[in-house]
PDB file of N, CA and C in Angstrom:
ATOM      1  N   UNK A   1     -80.453  90.604   6.376  1.00  0.00           N
ATOM      2  CA  UNK A   1     -79.193  91.072   6.866  1.00  0.00           C
ATOM      3  C   UNK A   1     -78.138  90.798   5.802  1.00  0.00           C
ATOM      4  N   UNK A   2     -77.536  91.790   5.309  1.00  0.00           N
ATOM      5  CA  UNK A   2     -76.492  91.656   4.310  1.00  0.00           C
ATOM      6  C   UNK A   2     -75.293  92.462   4.745  1.00  0.00           C
ATOM      7  N   UNK A   3     -74.220  92.290   4.030  1.00  0.00           N
ATOM      8  CA  UNK A   3     -73.033  93.059   4.360  1.00  0.00           C
ATOM      9  C   UNK A   3     -71.944  92.172   4.910  1.00  0.00           C
ATOM     10  N   UNK A   4     -70.938  92.834   5.460  1.00  0.00           N
ATOM     11  CA  UNK A   4     -69.772  92.128   5.959  1.00  0.00           C
ATOM     12  C   UNK A   4     -70.140  91.272   7.169  1.00  0.00           C
ATOM     13  N   UNK A   5     -69.708  90.009   7.124  1.00  0.00           N
ATOM     14  CA  UNK A   5     -69.949  89.113   8.250  1.00  0.00           C
ATOM     15  C   UNK A   5     -71.327  88.478   8.266  1.00  0.00           C
ATOM     16  N   UNK A   6     -72.129  88.709   7.248  1.00  0.00           N
ATOM     17  CA  UNK A   6     -73.461  88.106   7.216  1.00  0.00           C
ATOM     18  C   UNK A   6     -73.355  86.630   6.855  1.00  0.00           C
ATOM     19  N   UNK A   7     -74.233  85.849   7.370  1.00  0.00           N
ATOM     20  CA  UNK A   7     -74.254  84.431   7.019  1.00  0.00           C
ATOM     21  C   UNK A   7     -75.688  83.985   6.809  1.00  0.00           C
ATOM     22  N   UNK A   8     -75.814  82.932   6.087  1.00  0.00           N
ATOM     23  CA  UNK A   8     -77.132  82.383   5.800  1.00  0.00           C
ATOM     24  C   UNK A   8     -77.201  81.009   6.431  1.00  0.00           C
ATOM     25  N   UNK A   9     -78.247  80.767   7.142  1.00  0.00           N
ATOM     26  CA  UNK A   9     -78.437  79.465   7.768  1.00  0.00           C
ATOM     27  C   UNK A   9     -79.551  78.751   7.020  1.00  0.00           C
ATOM     28  N   UNK A  10     -79.249  77.555   6.553  1.00  0.00           N
ATOM     29  CA  UNK A  10     -80.246  76.747   5.861  1.00  0.00           C
ATOM     30  C   UNK A  10     -80.664  75.605   6.769  1.00  0.00           C
ATOM     31  N   UNK A  11     -81.933  75.413   6.853  1.00  0.00           N
ATOM     32  CA  UNK A  11     -82.446  74.285   7.613  1.00  0.00           C
ATOM     33  C   UNK A  11     -82.760  73.171   6.627  1.00  0.00           C
ATOM     34  N   UNK A  12     -82.201  72.026   6.874  1.00  0.00           N
ATOM     35  CA  UNK A  12     -82.426  70.882   6.001  1.00  0.00           C
ATOM     36  C   UNK A  12     -83.305  69.893   6.749  1.00  0.00           C
ATOM     37  N   UNK A  13     -84.410  69.578   6.119  1.00  0.00           N
ATOM     38  CA  UNK A  13     -85.316  68.622   6.736  1.00  0.00           C
ATOM     39  C   UNK A  13     -84.733  67.223   6.579  1.00  0.00           C
ATOM     40  N   UNK A  14     -84.680  66.494   7.661  1.00  0.00           N
ATOM     41  CA  UNK A  14     -84.151  65.132   7.597  1.00  0.00           C
ATOM     42  C   UNK A  14     -85.171  64.215   6.947  1.00  0.00           C
ATOM     43  N   UNK A  15     -84.665  63.389   6.053  1.00  0.00           N
ATOM     44  CA  UNK A  15     -85.517  62.395   5.414  1.00  0.00           C
ATOM     45  C   UNK A  15     -85.466  61.120   6.231  1.00  0.00           C
ATOM     46  N   UNK A  16     -86.544  60.417   6.193  1.00  0.00           N
ATOM     47  CA  UNK A  16     -86.535  59.106   6.831  1.00  0.00           C
ATOM     48  C   UNK A  16     -85.879  58.127   5.870  1.00  0.00           C
ATOM     49  N   UNK A  17     -85.092  57.246   6.392  1.00  0.00           N
ATOM     50  CA  UNK A  17     -84.428  56.253   5.557  1.00  0.00           C
ATOM     51  C   UNK A  17     -83.098  56.770   5.052  1.00  0.00           C
ATOM     52  N   UNK A  18     -82.424  55.951   4.273  1.00  0.00           N
ATOM     53  CA  UNK A  18     -81.094  56.329   3.786  1.00  0.00           C
ATOM     54  C   UNK A  18     -81.161  57.414   2.720  1.00  0.00           C
ATOM     55  N   UNK A  19     -80.067  58.129   2.576  1.00  0.00           N
ATOM     56  CA  UNK A  19     -79.978  59.120   1.508  1.00  0.00           C
ATOM     57  C   UNK A  19     -79.961  58.391   0.172  1.00  0.00           C
ATOM     58  N   UNK A  20     -80.327  59.072  -0.913  1.00  0.00           N
ATOM     59  CA  UNK A  20     -80.383  58.390  -2.215  1.00  0.00           C
ATOM     60  C   UNK A  20     -79.095  57.665  -2.584  1.00  0.00           C
ATOM     61  N   UNK A  21     -77.950  58.236  -2.266  1.00  0.00           N
ATOM     62  CA  UNK A  21     -76.685  57.590  -2.610  1.00  0.00           C
ATOM     63  C   UNK A  21     -76.457  56.329  -1.786  1.00  0.00           C
ATOM     64  N   UNK A  22     -77.124  56.228  -0.652  1.00  0.00           N
ATOM     65  CA  UNK A  22     -76.929  55.083   0.221  1.00  0.00           C
ATOM     66  C   UNK A  22     -77.926  53.966  -0.049  1.00  0.00           C
ATOM     67  N   UNK A  23     -78.918  54.230  -0.859  1.00  0.00           N
ATOM     68  CA  UNK A  23     -79.924  53.209  -1.131  1.00  0.00           C
ATOM     69  C   UNK A  23     -79.320  52.108  -1.991  1.00  0.00           C
ATOM     70  N   UNK A  24     -79.579  50.920  -1.600  1.00  0.00           N
ATOM     71  CA  UNK A  24     -79.058  49.772  -2.325  1.00  0.00           C
ATOM     72  C   UNK A  24     -80.241  48.939  -2.783  1.00  0.00           C
ATOM     73  N   UNK A  25     -80.226  48.589  -4.042  1.00  0.00           N
ATOM     74  CA  UNK A  25     -81.292  47.746  -4.560  1.00  0.00           C
ATOM     75  C   UNK A  25     -80.828  46.301  -4.423  1.00  0.00           C
ATOM     76  N   UNK A  26     -81.549  45.555  -3.638  1.00  0.00           N
ATOM     77  CA  UNK A  26     -81.207  44.157  -3.427  1.00  0.00           C
ATOM     78  C   UNK A  26     -82.119  43.288  -4.280  1.00  0.00           C
ATOM     79  N   UNK A  27     -81.514  42.387  -5.011  1.00  0.00           N
ATOM     80  CA  UNK A  27     -82.281  41.458  -5.826  1.00  0.00           C
ATOM     81  C   UNK A  27     -82.163  40.079  -5.194  1.00  0.00           C
ATOM     82  N   UNK A  28     -83.226  39.326  -5.265  1.00  0.00           N
ATOM     83  CA  UNK A  28     -83.134  37.952  -4.795  1.00  0.00           C
ATOM     84  C   UNK A  28     -82.299  37.164  -5.797  1.00  0.00           C
ATOM     85  N   UNK A  29     -81.789  36.038  -5.367  1.00  0.00           N
ATOM     86  CA  UNK A  29     -80.976  35.201  -6.261  1.00  0.00           C
ATOM     87  C   UNK A  29     -81.800  34.748  -7.462  1.00  0.00           C
ATOM     88  N   UNK A  30     -83.061  34.417  -7.235  1.00  0.00           N
ATOM     89  CA  UNK A  30     -83.913  33.950  -8.335  1.00  0.00           C
ATOM     90  C   UNK A  30     -84.120  35.045  -9.378  1.00  0.00           C
ATOM     91  N   UNK A  31     -84.351  36.272  -8.933  1.00  0.00           N
ATOM     92  CA  UNK A  31     -84.558  37.354  -9.899  1.00  0.00           C
ATOM     93  C   UNK A  31     -83.254  37.708 -10.608  1.00  0.00           C
ATOM     94  N   UNK A  32     -82.133  37.611  -9.907  1.00  0.00           N
ATOM     95  CA  UNK A  32     -80.848  37.868 -10.555  1.00  0.00           C
ATOM     96  C   UNK A  32     -80.539  36.770 -11.572  1.00  0.00           C
ATOM     97  N   UNK A  33     -80.861  35.522 -11.229  1.00  0.00           N
ATOM     98  CA  UNK A  33     -80.683  34.420 -12.174  1.00  0.00           C
ATOM     99  C   UNK A  33     -81.501  34.663 -13.438  1.00  0.00           C
ATOM    100  N   UNK A  34     -82.742  35.085 -13.266  1.00  0.00           N
ATOM    101  CA  UNK A  34     -83.607  35.351 -14.416  1.00  0.00           C
ATOM    102  C   UNK A  34     -83.030  36.473 -15.278  1.00  0.00           C
ATOM    103  N   UNK A  35     -82.500  37.501 -14.648  1.00  0.00           N
ATOM    104  CA  UNK A  35     -81.898  38.615 -15.386  1.00  0.00           C
ATOM    105  C   UNK A  35     -80.654  38.149 -16.154  1.00  0.00           C
ATOM    106  N   UNK A  36     -79.846  37.310 -15.538  1.00  0.00           N
ATOM    107  CA  UNK A  36     -78.650  36.787 -16.204  1.00  0.00           C
ATOM    108  C   UNK A  36     -79.050  35.918 -17.394  1.00  0.00           C
ATOM    109  N   UNK A  37     -80.084  35.098 -17.228  1.00  0.00           N
ATOM    110  CA  UNK A  37     -80.556  34.253 -18.331  1.00  0.00           C
ATOM    111  C   UNK A  37     -81.002  35.110 -19.517  1.00  0.00           C
ATOM    112  N   UNK A  38     -81.698  36.208 -19.244  1.00  0.00           N
ATOM    113  CA  UNK A  38     -82.117  37.120 -20.317  1.00  0.00           C
ATOM    114  C   UNK A  38     -80.904  37.726 -21.014  1.00  0.00           C
ATOM    115  N   UNK A  39     -79.899  38.127 -20.227  1.00  0.00           N
ATOM    116  CA  UNK A  39     -78.680  38.699 -20.804  1.00  0.00           C
ATOM    117  C   UNK A  39     -77.987  37.697 -21.720  1.00  0.00           C
ATOM    118  N   UNK A  40     -77.928  36.437 -21.283  1.00  0.00           N
ATOM    119  CA  UNK A  40     -77.268  35.403 -22.086  1.00  0.00           C
ATOM    120  C   UNK A  40     -78.026  35.192 -23.397  1.00  0.00           C
ATOM    121  N   UNK A  41     -79.352  35.111 -23.334  1.00  0.00           N
ATOM    122  CA  UNK A  41     -80.149  34.922 -24.554  1.00  0.00           C
ATOM    123  C   UNK A  41     -79.942  36.071 -25.534  1.00  0.00           C
ATOM    124  N   UNK A  42     -79.967  37.309 -25.008  1.00  0.00           N
ATOM    125  CA  UNK A  42     -79.742  38.476 -25.876  1.00  0.00           C
ATOM    126  C   UNK A  42     -78.349  38.428 -26.500  1.00  0.00           C
ATOM    127  N   UNK A  43     -77.366  38.048 -25.699  1.00  0.00           N
ATOM    128  CA  UNK A  43     -75.981  38.030 -26.183  1.00  0.00           C
ATOM    129  C   UNK A  43     -75.770  36.935 -27.225  1.00  0.00           C
ATOM    130  N   UNK A  44     -76.409  35.778 -27.040  1.00  0.00           N
ATOM    131  CA  UNK A  44     -76.311  34.701 -28.031  1.00  0.00           C
ATOM    132  C   UNK A  44     -76.856  35.184 -29.372  1.00  0.00           C
ATOM    133  N   UNK A  45     -78.000  35.861 -29.343  1.00  0.00           N
ATOM    134  CA  UNK A  45     -78.578  36.403 -30.582  1.00  0.00           C
ATOM    135  C   UNK A  45     -77.665  37.451 -31.198  1.00  0.00           C
ATOM    136  N   UNK A  46     -77.139  38.337 -30.355  1.00  0.00           N
ATOM    137  CA  UNK A  46     -76.293  39.420 -30.853  1.00  0.00           C
ATOM    138  C   UNK A  46     -74.995  38.892 -31.464  1.00  0.00           C
ATOM    139  N   UNK A  47     -74.458  37.813 -30.897  1.00  0.00           N
ATOM    140  CA  UNK A  47     -73.226  37.233 -31.428  1.00  0.00           C
ATOM    141  C   UNK A  47     -73.469  36.393 -32.682  1.00  0.00           C
ATOM    142  N   UNK A  48     -74.739  36.159 -33.012  1.00  0.00           N
ATOM    143  CA  UNK A  48     -75.065  35.488 -34.262  1.00  0.00           C
ATOM    144  C   UNK A  48     -75.231  33.985 -34.180  1.00  0.00           C
ATOM    145  N   UNK A  49     -75.500  33.454 -32.987  1.00  0.00           N
ATOM    146  CA  UNK A  49     -75.685  32.012 -32.859  1.00  0.00           C
ATOM    147  C   UNK A  49     -77.153  31.636 -32.728  1.00  0.00           C
ATOM    148  N   UNK A  50     -78.007  32.624 -32.637  1.00  0.00           N
ATOM    149  CA  UNK A  50     -79.458  32.480 -32.668  1.00  0.00           C
ATOM    150  C   UNK A  50     -80.048  31.238 -32.060  1.00  0.00           C
ATOM    151  N   UNK A  51     -80.717  30.444 -32.885  1.00  0.00           N
ATOM    152  CA  UNK A  51     -81.453  29.279 -32.402  1.00  0.00           C
ATOM    153  C   UNK A  51     -80.586  28.028 -32.291  1.00  0.00           C
ATOM    154  N   UNK A  52     -79.328  28.120 -32.675  1.00  0.00           N
ATOM    155  CA  UNK A  52     -78.469  26.936 -32.662  1.00  0.00           C
ATOM    156  C   UNK A  52     -77.748  26.723 -31.342  1.00  0.00           C
ATOM    157  N   UNK A  53     -77.776  27.717 -30.450  1.00  0.00           N
ATOM    158  CA  UNK A  53     -77.056  27.617 -29.179  1.00  0.00           C
ATOM    159  C   UNK A  53     -77.939  28.131 -28.053  1.00  0.00           C
ATOM    160  N   UNK A  54     -77.933  27.415 -26.940  1.00  0.00           N
ATOM    161  CA  UNK A  54     -78.681  27.882 -25.774  1.00  0.00           C
ATOM    162  C   UNK A  54     -77.969  27.468 -24.490  1.00  0.00           C
ATOM    163  N   UNK A  55     -78.283  28.194 -23.418  1.00  0.00           N
ATOM    164  CA  UNK A  55     -77.684  27.914 -22.121  1.00  0.00           C
ATOM    165  C   UNK A  55     -78.675  27.150 -21.255  1.00  0.00           C
ATOM    166  N   UNK A  56     -78.165  26.174 -20.521  1.00  0.00           N
ATOM    167  CA  UNK A  56     -78.958  25.449 -19.535  1.00  0.00           C
ATOM    168  C   UNK A  56     -78.465  25.902 -18.162  1.00  0.00           C
ATOM    169  N   UNK A  57     -79.214  26.778 -17.495  1.00  0.00           N
ATOM    170  CA  UNK A  57     -78.759  27.280 -16.197  1.00  0.00           C
ATOM    171  C   UNK A  57     -78.893  26.217 -15.109  1.00  0.00           C
ATOM    172  N   UNK A  58     -77.872  26.091 -14.293  1.00  0.00           N
ATOM    173  CA  UNK A  58     -77.905  25.157 -13.168  1.00  0.00           C
ATOM    174  C   UNK A  58     -77.945  25.996 -11.893  1.00  0.00           C
ATOM    175  N   UNK A  59     -79.111  26.030 -11.223  1.00  0.00           N
ATOM    176  CA  UNK A  59     -79.277  26.931 -10.082  1.00  0.00           C
ATOM    177  C   UNK A  59     -78.660  26.447  -8.771  1.00  0.00           C
ATOM    178  N   UNK A  60     -78.407  25.138  -8.643  1.00  0.00           N
ATOM    179  CA  UNK A  60     -77.858  24.643  -7.375  1.00  0.00           C
ATOM    180  C   UNK A  60     -76.900  23.480  -7.618  1.00  0.00           C
ATOM    181  N   UNK A  61     -76.238  23.055  -6.571  1.00  0.00           N
ATOM    182  CA  UNK A  61     -75.206  22.019  -6.702  1.00  0.00           C
ATOM    183  C   UNK A  61     -75.776  20.613  -6.829  1.00  0.00           C
ATOM    184  N   UNK A  62     -77.073  20.443  -6.661  1.00  0.00           N
ATOM    185  CA  UNK A  62     -77.664  19.110  -6.706  1.00  0.00           C
ATOM    186  C   UNK A  62     -77.974  18.650  -8.127  1.00  0.00           C
ATOM    187  N   UNK A  63     -77.989  19.568  -9.053  1.00  0.00           N
ATOM    188  CA  UNK A  63     -78.315  19.247 -10.440  1.00  0.00           C
ATOM    189  C   UNK A  63     -77.018  18.961 -11.195  1.00  0.00           C
ATOM    190  N   UNK A  64     -76.957  17.851 -11.880  1.00  0.00           N
ATOM    191  CA  UNK A  64     -75.760  17.483 -12.637  1.00  0.00           C
ATOM    192  C   UNK A  64     -76.112  17.349 -14.114  1.00  0.00           C
ATOM    193  N   UNK A  65     -75.292  17.924 -14.961  1.00  0.00           N
ATOM    194  CA  UNK A  65     -75.459  17.812 -16.409  1.00  0.00           C
ATOM    195  C   UNK A  65     -74.091  17.857 -17.058  1.00  0.00           C
ATOM    196  N   UNK A  66     -73.996  17.309 -18.257  1.00  0.00           N
ATOM    197  CA  UNK A  66     -72.767  17.455 -19.033  1.00  0.00           C
ATOM    198  C   UNK A  66     -72.610  18.920 -19.408  1.00  0.00           C
ATOM    199  N   UNK A  67     -71.367  19.365 -19.492  1.00  0.00           N
ATOM    200  CA  UNK A  67     -71.130  20.781 -19.782  1.00  0.00           C
ATOM    201  C   UNK A  67     -71.598  21.160 -21.189  1.00  0.00           C
ATOM    202  N   UNK A  68     -71.365  20.283 -22.164  1.00  0.00           N
ATOM    203  CA  UNK A  68     -71.797  20.540 -23.538  1.00  0.00           C
ATOM    204  C   UNK A  68     -72.609  19.345 -24.021  1.00  0.00           C
ATOM    205  N   UNK A  69     -73.816  19.604 -24.527  1.00  0.00           N
ATOM    206  CA  UNK A  69     -74.663  18.538 -25.075  1.00  0.00           C
ATOM    207  C   UNK A  69     -75.408  19.063 -26.291  1.00  0.00           C
ATOM    208  N   UNK A  70     -76.040  18.135 -27.009  1.00  0.00           N
ATOM    209  CA  UNK A  70     -76.906  18.501 -28.127  1.00  0.00           C
ATOM    210  C   UNK A  70     -78.280  17.907 -27.873  1.00  0.00           C
ATOM    211  N   UNK A  71     -79.313  18.670 -28.215  1.00  0.00           N
ATOM    212  CA  UNK A  71     -80.675  18.168 -28.067  1.00  0.00           C
ATOM    213  C   UNK A  71     -81.022  17.315 -29.277  1.00  0.00           C
ATOM    214  N   UNK A  72     -82.184  16.676 -29.226  1.00  0.00           N
ATOM    215  CA  UNK A  72     -82.622  15.807 -30.320  1.00  0.00           C
ATOM    216  C   UNK A  72     -82.791  16.582 -31.630  1.00  0.00           C
ATOM    217  N   UNK A  73     -83.168  17.859 -31.530  1.00  0.00           N
ATOM    218  CA  UNK A  73     -83.355  18.650 -32.755  1.00  0.00           C
ATOM    219  C   UNK A  73     -82.070  19.332 -33.223  1.00  0.00           C
ATOM    220  N   UNK A  74     -80.939  19.049 -32.564  1.00  0.00           N
ATOM    221  CA  UNK A  74     -79.653  19.571 -33.010  1.00  0.00           C
ATOM    222  C   UNK A  74     -79.202  20.868 -32.364  1.00  0.00           C
ATOM    223  N   UNK A  75     -80.002  21.401 -31.448  1.00  0.00           N
ATOM    224  CA  UNK A  75     -79.597  22.621 -30.752  1.00  0.00           C
ATOM    225  C   UNK A  75     -78.455  22.300 -29.794  1.00  0.00           C
ATOM    226  N   UNK A  76     -77.425  23.106 -29.820  1.00  0.00           N
ATOM    227  CA  UNK A  76     -76.270  22.927 -28.944  1.00  0.00           C
ATOM    228  C   UNK A  76     -76.559  23.603 -27.605  1.00  0.00           C
ATOM    229  N   UNK A  77     -76.254  22.901 -26.522  1.00  0.00           N
ATOM    230  CA  UNK A  77     -76.568  23.401 -25.183  1.00  0.00           C
ATOM    231  C   UNK A  77     -75.306  23.382 -24.330  1.00  0.00           C
ATOM    232  N   UNK A  78     -75.063  24.495 -23.634  1.00  0.00           N
ATOM    233  CA  UNK A  78     -73.969  24.527 -22.659  1.00  0.00           C
ATOM    234  C   UNK A  78     -74.558  24.866 -21.299  1.00  0.00           C
ATOM    235  N   UNK A  79     -73.929  24.373 -20.253  1.00  0.00           N
ATOM    236  CA  UNK A  79     -74.437  24.620 -18.909  1.00  0.00           C
ATOM    237  C   UNK A  79     -73.676  25.769 -18.263  1.00  0.00           C
ATOM    238  N   UNK A  80     -74.317  26.378 -17.285  1.00  0.00           N
ATOM    239  CA  UNK A  80     -73.681  27.446 -16.514  1.00  0.00           C
ATOM    240  C   UNK A  80     -74.162  27.353 -15.078  1.00  0.00           C
ATOM    241  N   UNK A  81     -73.217  27.361 -14.151  1.00  0.00           N
ATOM    242  CA  UNK A  81     -73.566  27.361 -12.737  1.00  0.00           C
ATOM    243  C   UNK A  81     -73.959  28.778 -12.354  1.00  0.00           C
ATOM    244  N   UNK A  82     -75.213  28.962 -11.978  1.00  0.00           N
ATOM    245  CA  UNK A  82     -75.726  30.303 -11.719  1.00  0.00           C
ATOM    246  C   UNK A  82     -75.090  30.945 -10.489  1.00  0.00           C
ATOM    247  N   UNK A  83     -74.686  30.158  -9.511  1.00  0.00           N
ATOM    248  CA  UNK A  83     -74.070  30.763  -8.325  1.00  0.00           C
ATOM    249  C   UNK A  83     -72.725  31.388  -8.666  1.00  0.00           C
ATOM    250  N   UNK A  84     -72.065  30.898  -9.722  1.00  0.00           N
ATOM    251  CA  UNK A  84     -70.816  31.524 -10.156  1.00  0.00           C
ATOM    252  C   UNK A  84     -71.096  32.845 -10.864  1.00  0.00           C
ATOM    253  N   UNK A  85     -72.100  32.855 -11.730  1.00  0.00           N
ATOM    254  CA  UNK A  85     -72.434  34.079 -12.455  1.00  0.00           C
ATOM    255  C   UNK A  85     -73.059  35.117 -11.530  1.00  0.00           C
ATOM    256  N   UNK A  86     -73.800  34.666 -10.522  1.00  0.00           N
ATOM    257  CA  UNK A  86     -74.432  35.576  -9.567  1.00  0.00           C
ATOM    258  C   UNK A  86     -73.424  36.409  -8.796  1.00  0.00           C
ATOM    259  N   UNK A  87     -72.231  35.891  -8.635  1.00  0.00           N
ATOM    260  CA  UNK A  87     -71.222  36.605  -7.849  1.00  0.00           C
ATOM    261  C   UNK A  87     -70.541  37.715  -8.647  1.00  0.00           C
ATOM    262  N   UNK A  88     -70.824  37.797  -9.954  1.00  0.00           N
ATOM    263  CA  UNK A  88     -70.188  38.800 -10.806  1.00  0.00           C
ATOM    264  C   UNK A  88     -71.125  39.969 -11.060  1.00  0.00           C
ATOM    265  N   UNK A  89     -70.553  41.115 -11.379  1.00  0.00           N
ATOM    266  CA  UNK A  89     -71.333  42.323 -11.655  1.00  0.00           C
ATOM    267  C   UNK A  89     -70.798  43.034 -12.888  1.00  0.00           C
ATOM    268  N   UNK A  90     -71.635  43.789 -13.546  1.00  0.00           N
ATOM    269  CA  UNK A  90     -71.250  44.714 -14.605  1.00  0.00           C
ATOM    270  C   UNK A  90     -70.415  44.121 -15.721  1.00  0.00           C
ATOM    271  N   UNK A  91     -69.286  44.776 -15.999  1.00  0.00           N
ATOM    272  CA  UNK A  91     -68.421  44.379 -17.114  1.00  0.00           C
ATOM    273  C   UNK A  91     -67.831  42.986 -16.916  1.00  0.00           C
ATOM    274  N   UNK A  92     -67.553  42.656 -15.673  1.00  0.00           N
ATOM    275  CA  UNK A  92     -66.997  41.333 -15.384  1.00  0.00           C
ATOM    276  C   UNK A  92     -68.001  40.237 -15.755  1.00  0.00           C
ATOM    277  N   UNK A  93     -69.279  40.466 -15.460  1.00  0.00           N
ATOM    278  CA  UNK A  93     -70.332  39.516 -15.821  1.00  0.00           C
ATOM    279  C   UNK A  93     -70.459  39.412 -17.337  1.00  0.00           C
ATOM    280  N   UNK A  94     -70.436  40.546 -18.029  1.00  0.00           N
ATOM    281  CA  UNK A  94     -70.541  40.535 -19.493  1.00  0.00           C
ATOM    282  C   UNK A  94     -69.383  39.777 -20.130  1.00  0.00           C
ATOM    283  N   UNK A  95     -68.174  39.988 -19.618  1.00  0.00           N
ATOM    284  CA  UNK A  95     -67.008  39.268 -20.153  1.00  0.00           C
ATOM    285  C   UNK A  95     -67.140  37.765 -19.938  1.00  0.00           C
ATOM    286  N   UNK A  96     -67.625  37.380 -18.764  1.00  0.00           N
ATOM    287  CA  UNK A  96     -67.778  35.950 -18.467  1.00  0.00           C
ATOM    288  C   UNK A  96     -68.857  35.319 -19.346  1.00  0.00           C
ATOM    289  N   UNK A  97     -69.954  36.027 -19.568  1.00  0.00           N
ATOM    290  CA  UNK A  97     -71.010  35.531 -20.457  1.00  0.00           C
ATOM    291  C   UNK A  97     -70.447  35.335 -21.862  1.00  0.00           C
ATOM    292  N   UNK A  98     -69.742  36.330 -22.370  1.00  0.00           N
ATOM    293  CA  UNK A  98     -69.144  36.226 -23.708  1.00  0.00           C
ATOM    294  C   UNK A  98     -68.150  35.067 -23.782  1.00  0.00           C
ATOM    295  N   UNK A  99     -67.335  34.920 -22.745  1.00  0.00           N
ATOM    296  CA  UNK A  99     -66.338  33.853 -22.733  1.00  0.00           C
ATOM    297  C   UNK A  99     -67.008  32.483 -22.811  1.00  0.00           C
ATOM    298  N   UNK A 100     -68.074  32.302 -22.049  1.00  0.00           N
ATOM    299  CA  UNK A 100     -68.758  31.007 -22.035  1.00  0.00           C
ATOM    300  C   UNK A 100     -69.476  30.729 -23.356  1.00  0.00           C
ATOM    301  N   UNK A 101     -70.075  31.752 -23.935  1.00  0.00           N
ATOM    302  CA  UNK A 101     -70.748  31.570 -25.227  1.00  0.00           C
ATOM    303  C   UNK A 101     -69.723  31.205 -26.301  1.00  0.00           C
ATOM    304  N   UNK A 102     -68.619  31.928 -26.349  1.00  0.00           N
ATOM    305  CA  UNK A 102     -67.596  31.655 -27.360  1.00  0.00           C
ATOM    306  C   UNK A 102     -66.935  30.293 -27.144  1.00  0.00           C
ATOM    307  N   UNK A 103     -66.761  29.900 -25.886  1.00  0.00           N
ATOM    308  CA  UNK A 103     -66.211  28.575 -25.586  1.00  0.00           C
ATOM    309  C   UNK A 103     -67.144  27.487 -26.123  1.00  0.00           C
ATOM    310  N   UNK A 104     -68.444  27.649 -25.910  1.00  0.00           N
ATOM    311  CA  UNK A 104     -69.421  26.672 -26.398  1.00  0.00           C
ATOM    312  C   UNK A 104     -69.461  26.659 -27.927  1.00  0.00           C
ATOM    313  N   UNK A 105     -69.447  27.833 -28.540  1.00  0.00           N
ATOM    314  CA  UNK A 105     -69.479  27.915 -30.004  1.00  0.00           C
ATOM    315  C   UNK A 105     -68.253  27.232 -30.605  1.00  0.00           C
ATOM    316  N   UNK A 106     -67.098  27.431 -29.998  1.00  0.00           N
ATOM    317  CA  UNK A 106     -65.876  26.767 -30.481  1.00  0.00           C
ATOM    318  C   UNK A 106     -65.956  25.259 -30.291  1.00  0.00           C
ATOM    319  N   UNK A 107     -66.483  24.816 -29.160  1.00  0.00           N
ATOM    320  CA  UNK A 107     -66.603  23.381 -28.889  1.00  0.00           C
ATOM    321  C   UNK A 107     -67.490  22.710 -29.942  1.00  0.00           C
ATOM    322  N   UNK A 108     -68.616  23.341 -30.267  1.00  0.00           N
ATOM    323  CA  UNK A 108     -69.552  22.762 -31.227  1.00  0.00           C
ATOM    324  C   UNK A 108     -69.190  23.091 -32.675  1.00  0.00           C
ATOM    325  N   UNK A 109     -68.221  23.954 -32.883  1.00  0.00           N
ATOM    326  CA  UNK A 109     -67.825  24.342 -34.234  1.00  0.00           C
ATOM    327  C   UNK A 109     -68.874  25.176 -34.947  1.00  0.00           C
ATOM    328  N   UNK A 110     -69.572  26.025 -34.203  1.00  0.00           N
ATOM    329  CA  UNK A 110     -70.632  26.846 -34.787  1.00  0.00           C
ATOM    330  C   UNK A 110     -70.056  28.050 -35.517  1.00  0.00           C
ATOM    331  N   UNK A 111     -70.692  28.397 -36.607  1.00  0.00           N
ATOM    332  CA  UNK A 111     -70.359  29.611 -37.353  1.00  0.00           C
ATOM    333  C   UNK A 111     -71.468  30.618 -37.118  1.00  0.00           C
ATOM    334  N   UNK A 112     -71.131  31.891 -37.137  1.00  0.00           N
ATOM    335  CA  UNK A 112     -72.148  32.932 -36.944  1.00  0.00           C
ATOM    336  C   UNK A 112     -73.124  32.926 -38.108  1.00  0.00           C
ATOM    337  N   UNK A 113     -74.382  33.254 -37.795  1.00  0.00           N
ATOM    338  CA  UNK A 113     -75.427  33.286 -38.835  1.00  0.00           C
ATOM    339  C   UNK A 113     -75.285  34.497 -39.713  1.00  0.00           C
TER     340      UNK A 113
END
């Protein structure tokens, strides 16, 4: 049927579950912590601090450590509370990671490799 006043009716089959735009990928805290740790390691290398700087992740409030320490072999270590980083996403997380790395590098007086 064509011509003036014609209309087309489309039947859309309903999908089970949420539409693609509504799907949310949920990560457990442990897997998000692991992903953040990988991001920090990559960023430390990219900023040029390589093997001289590392992060000690603190996953819960029961663990206590000094914020900045040095290991026996001279590696500089800074701590990070993972529950604080877990609450951040995207660019905000990247900025916070960079801020903490640069704060630690300044504290220890590290120069880029």
